[in-house]
């Protein structure tokens, strides 16, 4: 499923109009309409805002994963800097995640 289809599906599941979504995201209604039509692609910042609004991952919205994961509730309450770190960490291969885990354990001990 393409981004445009996923955005429309998420918006319709939420029961909101393009105008209401645009207001929540701080963009124009025509931008949302163009995203849903597939004639325009949102910025990275807009994709993050969309994922946060719909409480799902950017990976789902972008079609990287098919499962509509819900974010852990505390995820919304942490700083943007920490969220950026967590997103970068999530993209690491398993061996790199292990190395980061070891470094964190050293700092905590």
N, C-alpha and C. Protein backbone atom coordinates (compact mmCIF):
# COMPACT_ATOMS: atom_id res chain seq x y z
N UNK A 1 0.84 -1.18 0.00
CA UNK A 1 0.00 0.00 0.00
C UNK A 1 0.89 1.24 0.00
N UNK A 2 0.57 2.17 -0.84
CA UNK A 2 1.33 3.41 -0.98
C UNK A 2 1.06 4.37 0.18
N UNK A 3 1.98 5.31 0.38
CA UNK A 3 1.81 6.32 1.41
C UNK A 3 0.46 7.01 1.30
N UNK A 4 0.10 7.41 0.07
CA UNK A 4 -1.14 8.16 -0.13
C UNK A 4 -2.35 7.35 0.35
N UNK A 5 -2.36 6.06 0.07
CA UNK A 5 -3.46 5.19 0.50
C UNK A 5 -3.48 5.03 2.02
N UNK A 6 -2.30 4.87 2.60
CA UNK A 6 -2.23 4.71 4.06
C UNK A 6 -2.69 5.97 4.78
N UNK A 7 -2.29 7.11 4.26
CA UNK A 7 -2.71 8.36 4.89
C UNK A 7 -4.23 8.50 4.84
N UNK A 8 -4.81 8.23 3.70
CA UNK A 8 -6.26 8.32 3.56
C UNK A 8 -6.94 7.34 4.50
N UNK A 9 -6.44 6.10 4.54
CA UNK A 9 -7.01 5.08 5.42
C UNK A 9 -6.94 5.51 6.88
N UNK A 10 -5.78 5.98 7.32
CA UNK A 10 -5.62 6.42 8.70
C UNK A 10 -6.57 7.58 9.02
N UNK A 11 -6.67 8.52 8.11
CA UNK A 11 -7.54 9.67 8.33
C UNK A 11 -9.00 9.25 8.41
N UNK A 12 -9.41 8.37 7.50
CA UNK A 12 -10.80 7.91 7.52
C UNK A 12 -11.10 7.07 8.75
N UNK A 13 -10.14 6.24 9.17
CA UNK A 13 -10.33 5.46 10.40
C UNK A 13 -10.51 6.37 11.61
N UNK A 14 -9.81 7.49 11.59
CA UNK A 14 -9.88 8.46 12.68
C UNK A 14 -11.18 9.27 12.60
N UNK A 15 -11.79 9.26 11.41
CA UNK A 15 -13.05 9.98 11.21
C UNK A 15 -12.89 11.49 11.14
N UNK A 16 -11.78 11.93 10.55
CA UNK A 16 -11.56 13.37 10.43
C UNK A 16 -11.44 13.76 8.96
N UNK A 17 -11.71 15.01 8.70
CA UNK A 17 -11.61 15.53 7.33
C UNK A 17 -10.17 15.91 7.01
N UNK A 18 -9.92 16.13 5.73
CA UNK A 18 -8.60 16.62 5.32
C UNK A 18 -8.31 17.96 5.98
N UNK A 19 -9.30 18.80 6.07
CA UNK A 19 -9.12 20.12 6.69
C UNK A 19 -8.74 19.99 8.16
N UNK A 20 -9.41 19.09 8.88
CA UNK A 20 -9.12 18.91 10.31
C UNK A 20 -7.71 18.36 10.49
N UNK A 21 -7.32 17.40 9.64
CA UNK A 21 -5.97 16.86 9.74
C UNK A 21 -4.94 17.93 9.42
N UNK A 22 -5.20 18.71 8.40
CA UNK A 22 -4.28 19.79 8.02
C UNK A 22 -4.08 20.76 9.18
N UNK A 23 -5.16 21.09 9.86
CA UNK A 23 -5.06 22.00 11.00
C UNK A 23 -4.21 21.39 12.12
N UNK A 24 -4.42 20.11 12.40
CA UNK A 24 -3.64 19.43 13.44
C UNK A 24 -2.15 19.39 13.10
N UNK A 25 -1.85 19.24 11.80
CA UNK A 25 -0.46 19.13 11.35
C UNK A 25 0.19 20.47 11.03
N UNK A 26 -0.61 21.54 10.99
CA UNK A 26 -0.07 22.85 10.67
C UNK A 26 0.27 23.04 9.20
N UNK A 27 -0.51 22.37 8.34
CA UNK A 27 -0.31 22.49 6.89
C UNK A 27 -1.64 22.89 6.26
N UNK A 28 -1.64 23.13 4.98
CA UNK A 28 -2.88 23.48 4.28
C UNK A 28 -3.68 22.23 3.94
N UNK A 29 -4.97 22.42 3.76
CA UNK A 29 -5.84 21.30 3.35
C UNK A 29 -5.42 20.80 1.98
N UNK A 30 -4.96 21.70 1.11
CA UNK A 30 -4.54 21.27 -0.23
C UNK A 30 -3.29 20.39 -0.16
N UNK A 31 -2.42 20.62 0.84
CA UNK A 31 -1.24 19.76 1.00
C UNK A 31 -1.68 18.34 1.34
N UNK A 32 -2.62 18.22 2.27
CA UNK A 32 -3.13 16.88 2.64
C UNK A 32 -3.79 16.23 1.43
N UNK A 33 -4.58 17.00 0.68
CA UNK A 33 -5.24 16.46 -0.51
C UNK A 33 -4.21 15.97 -1.53
N UNK A 34 -3.14 16.74 -1.72
CA UNK A 34 -2.10 16.33 -2.67
C UNK A 34 -1.35 15.10 -2.18
N UNK A 35 -1.11 14.99 -0.88
CA UNK A 35 -0.46 13.79 -0.32
C UNK A 35 -1.33 12.57 -0.59
N UNK A 36 -2.63 12.71 -0.34
CA UNK A 36 -3.55 11.58 -0.54
C UNK A 36 -3.71 11.23 -2.01
N UNK A 37 -3.59 12.22 -2.87
CA UNK A 37 -3.69 11.96 -4.32
C UNK A 37 -2.39 11.40 -4.89
N UNK A 38 -1.31 11.50 -4.11
CA UNK A 38 -0.03 11.00 -4.57
C UNK A 38 0.69 11.96 -5.50
N UNK A 39 0.24 13.20 -5.56
CA UNK A 39 0.88 14.18 -6.44
C UNK A 39 1.95 14.99 -5.74
N UNK A 40 2.02 14.85 -4.43
CA UNK A 40 3.02 15.56 -3.64
C UNK A 40 3.44 14.67 -2.47
N UNK A 41 4.70 14.80 -2.07
CA UNK A 41 5.24 14.00 -0.97
C UNK A 41 5.51 14.92 0.21
N UNK A 42 5.09 14.52 1.41
CA UNK A 42 5.34 15.39 2.58
C UNK A 42 6.82 15.42 2.94
N UNK A 43 7.20 16.46 3.66
CA UNK A 43 8.57 16.56 4.17
C UNK A 43 8.77 15.51 5.26
N UNK A 44 10.02 15.29 5.63
CA UNK A 44 10.31 14.36 6.72
C UNK A 44 9.63 14.81 8.01
N UNK A 45 9.65 16.10 8.26
CA UNK A 45 9.00 16.63 9.46
C UNK A 45 7.51 16.38 9.46
N UNK A 46 6.89 16.51 8.30
CA UNK A 46 5.45 16.24 8.19
C UNK A 46 5.16 14.76 8.41
N UNK A 47 6.03 13.89 7.92
CA UNK A 47 5.84 12.45 8.13
C UNK A 47 5.90 12.11 9.61
N UNK A 48 6.84 12.72 10.32
CA UNK A 48 6.94 12.51 11.77
C UNK A 48 5.67 13.00 12.45
N UNK A 49 5.19 14.17 12.05
CA UNK A 49 3.97 14.73 12.64
C UNK A 49 2.76 13.83 12.37
N UNK A 50 2.69 13.28 11.16
CA UNK A 50 1.60 12.37 10.80
C UNK A 50 1.67 11.11 11.67
N UNK A 51 2.86 10.55 11.79
CA UNK A 51 3.03 9.34 12.61
C UNK A 51 2.63 9.61 14.06
N UNK A 52 3.06 10.73 14.59
CA UNK A 52 2.70 11.07 15.98
C UNK A 52 1.20 11.27 16.12
N UNK A 53 0.60 11.96 15.18
CA UNK A 53 -0.83 12.22 15.28
C UNK A 53 -1.63 10.92 15.28
N UNK A 54 -1.26 10.00 14.39
CA UNK A 54 -2.00 8.75 14.27
C UNK A 54 -1.46 7.66 15.20
N UNK A 55 -0.49 8.01 16.04
CA UNK A 55 0.05 7.09 17.03
C UNK A 55 0.53 5.79 16.38
N UNK A 56 1.33 5.95 15.34
CA UNK A 56 1.91 4.80 14.65
C UNK A 56 3.33 5.16 14.25
N UNK A 57 3.99 4.25 13.59
CA UNK A 57 5.38 4.49 13.21
C UNK A 57 5.48 5.10 11.81
N UNK A 58 6.53 5.86 11.61
CA UNK A 58 6.80 6.38 10.27
C UNK A 58 7.09 5.22 9.32
N UNK A 59 7.66 4.13 9.84
CA UNK A 59 7.93 2.95 9.02
C UNK A 59 6.64 2.40 8.42
N UNK A 60 5.57 2.38 9.20
CA UNK A 60 4.28 1.91 8.67
C UNK A 60 3.76 2.87 7.61
N UNK A 61 3.80 4.14 7.91
CA UNK A 61 3.28 5.15 6.98
C UNK A 61 4.03 5.11 5.66
N UNK A 62 5.35 4.87 5.72
CA UNK A 62 6.17 4.87 4.51
C UNK A 62 6.19 3.52 3.79
N UNK A 63 5.54 2.52 4.37
CA UNK A 63 5.48 1.21 3.72
C UNK A 63 6.68 0.33 3.97
N UNK A 64 7.50 0.68 4.95
CA UNK A 64 8.67 -0.13 5.28
C UNK A 64 8.23 -1.40 6.02
N UNK A 65 7.23 -1.25 6.87
CA UNK A 65 6.62 -2.40 7.56
C UNK A 65 5.13 -2.39 7.27
N UNK A 66 4.54 -3.56 7.28
CA UNK A 66 3.11 -3.67 6.98
C UNK A 66 2.25 -3.63 8.23
N UNK A 67 2.86 -3.90 9.38
CA UNK A 67 2.10 -3.94 10.62
C UNK A 67 1.92 -2.54 11.18
N UNK A 68 0.69 -2.21 11.52
CA UNK A 68 0.36 -0.89 12.05
C UNK A 68 0.67 -0.86 13.54
N UNK A 69 1.93 -0.62 13.85
CA UNK A 69 2.37 -0.60 15.24
C UNK A 69 1.89 0.65 15.92
N UNK A 70 1.42 0.50 17.14
CA UNK A 70 1.07 1.65 17.96
C UNK A 70 2.27 2.01 18.80
N UNK A 71 2.47 3.27 19.01
CA UNK A 71 3.60 3.72 19.81
C UNK A 71 3.35 3.44 21.28
N UNK A 72 4.41 3.21 22.00
CA UNK A 72 4.31 3.03 23.44
C UNK A 72 3.85 4.37 24.02
N UNK A 73 2.88 4.38 24.94
CA UNK A 73 2.33 5.65 25.43
C UNK A 73 3.37 6.67 25.89
N UNK A 74 4.42 6.25 26.58
CA UNK A 74 5.41 7.20 27.07
C UNK A 74 6.21 7.84 25.95
N UNK A 75 6.18 7.24 24.78
CA UNK A 75 6.96 7.75 23.65
C UNK A 75 6.60 9.20 23.34
N UNK A 76 5.32 9.55 23.49
CA UNK A 76 4.89 10.91 23.20
C UNK A 76 5.36 11.90 24.26
N UNK A 77 5.70 11.41 25.44
CA UNK A 77 6.05 12.28 26.54
C UNK A 77 7.55 12.56 26.67
N UNK A 78 8.37 11.96 25.81
CA UNK A 78 9.80 12.21 25.90
C UNK A 78 10.21 13.32 24.95
N UNK A 79 11.37 13.86 25.18
CA UNK A 79 11.81 15.00 24.37
C UNK A 79 12.02 14.61 22.91
N UNK A 80 11.99 15.61 22.07
CA UNK A 80 12.19 15.38 20.63
C UNK A 80 13.59 14.82 20.37
N UNK A 81 14.57 15.29 21.14
CA UNK A 81 15.94 14.80 21.00
C UNK A 81 16.00 13.30 21.33
N UNK A 82 15.33 12.88 22.41
CA UNK A 82 15.31 11.47 22.77
C UNK A 82 14.55 10.64 21.74
N UNK A 83 13.47 11.21 21.19
CA UNK A 83 12.73 10.50 20.15
C UNK A 83 13.60 10.28 18.92
N UNK A 84 14.37 11.29 18.57
CA UNK A 84 15.27 11.18 17.41
C UNK A 84 16.30 10.08 17.66
N UNK A 85 16.85 10.05 18.89
CA UNK A 85 17.80 9.00 19.24
C UNK A 85 17.16 7.63 19.12
N UNK A 86 15.94 7.48 19.66
CA UNK A 86 15.26 6.19 19.62
C UNK A 86 14.98 5.75 18.19
N UNK A 87 14.61 6.69 17.33
CA UNK A 87 14.36 6.36 15.94
C UNK A 87 15.64 5.91 15.24
N UNK A 88 16.75 6.59 15.55
CA UNK A 88 18.04 6.20 14.95
C UNK A 88 18.46 4.83 15.46
N UNK A 89 18.28 4.61 16.76
CA UNK A 89 18.63 3.32 17.36
C UNK A 89 17.82 2.19 16.72
N UNK A 90 16.54 2.44 16.47
CA UNK A 90 15.68 1.41 15.89
C UNK A 90 16.14 0.99 14.50
N UNK A 91 16.87 1.84 13.82
CA UNK A 91 17.34 1.53 12.47
C UNK A 91 18.67 0.78 12.44
N UNK A 92 19.30 0.67 13.60
CA UNK A 92 20.60 -0.01 13.65
C UNK A 92 20.45 -1.52 13.48
N UNK A 93 21.45 -2.17 12.89
CA UNK A 93 21.44 -3.64 12.84
C UNK A 93 21.67 -4.18 14.26
N UNK A 94 21.31 -5.43 14.48
CA UNK A 94 21.35 -6.04 15.81
C UNK A 94 22.71 -5.91 16.50
N UNK A 95 23.80 -6.10 15.76
CA UNK A 95 25.12 -6.03 16.40
C UNK A 95 25.44 -4.62 16.89
N UNK A 96 24.99 -3.62 16.16
CA UNK A 96 25.21 -2.23 16.58
C UNK A 96 24.33 -1.89 17.79
N UNK A 97 23.09 -2.42 17.81
CA UNK A 97 22.22 -2.21 18.97
C UNK A 97 22.86 -2.81 20.22
N UNK A 98 23.46 -3.96 20.05
CA UNK A 98 24.13 -4.62 21.17
C UNK A 98 25.27 -3.76 21.69
N UNK A 99 26.04 -3.18 20.79
CA UNK A 99 27.16 -2.32 21.18
C UNK A 99 26.66 -1.08 21.92
N UNK A 100 25.58 -0.48 21.42
CA UNK A 100 25.00 0.68 22.10
C UNK A 100 24.52 0.28 23.49
N UNK A 101 23.91 -0.89 23.59
CA UNK A 101 23.44 -1.39 24.89
C UNK A 101 24.58 -1.54 25.88
N UNK A 102 25.71 -2.03 25.42
CA UNK A 102 26.88 -2.18 26.29
C UNK A 102 27.38 -0.83 26.77
N UNK A 103 27.42 0.13 25.88
CA UNK A 103 27.86 1.48 26.26
C UNK A 103 26.92 2.08 27.30
N UNK A 104 25.64 1.93 27.10
CA UNK A 104 24.66 2.46 28.05
C UNK A 104 24.83 1.77 29.42
N UNK A 105 25.02 0.46 29.41
CA UNK A 105 25.22 -0.26 30.68
C UNK A 105 26.47 0.25 31.40
N UNK A 106 27.53 0.56 30.65
CA UNK A 106 28.75 1.12 31.27
C UNK A 106 28.47 2.45 31.93
N UNK A 107 27.70 3.31 31.27
CA UNK A 107 27.37 4.61 31.84
C UNK A 107 26.47 4.47 33.07
N UNK A 108 25.63 3.47 33.08
CA UNK A 108 24.71 3.29 34.21
C UNK A 108 25.37 2.63 35.42
N UNK A 109 26.49 1.97 35.20
CA UNK A 109 27.13 1.27 36.33
C UNK A 109 28.11 2.17 37.08
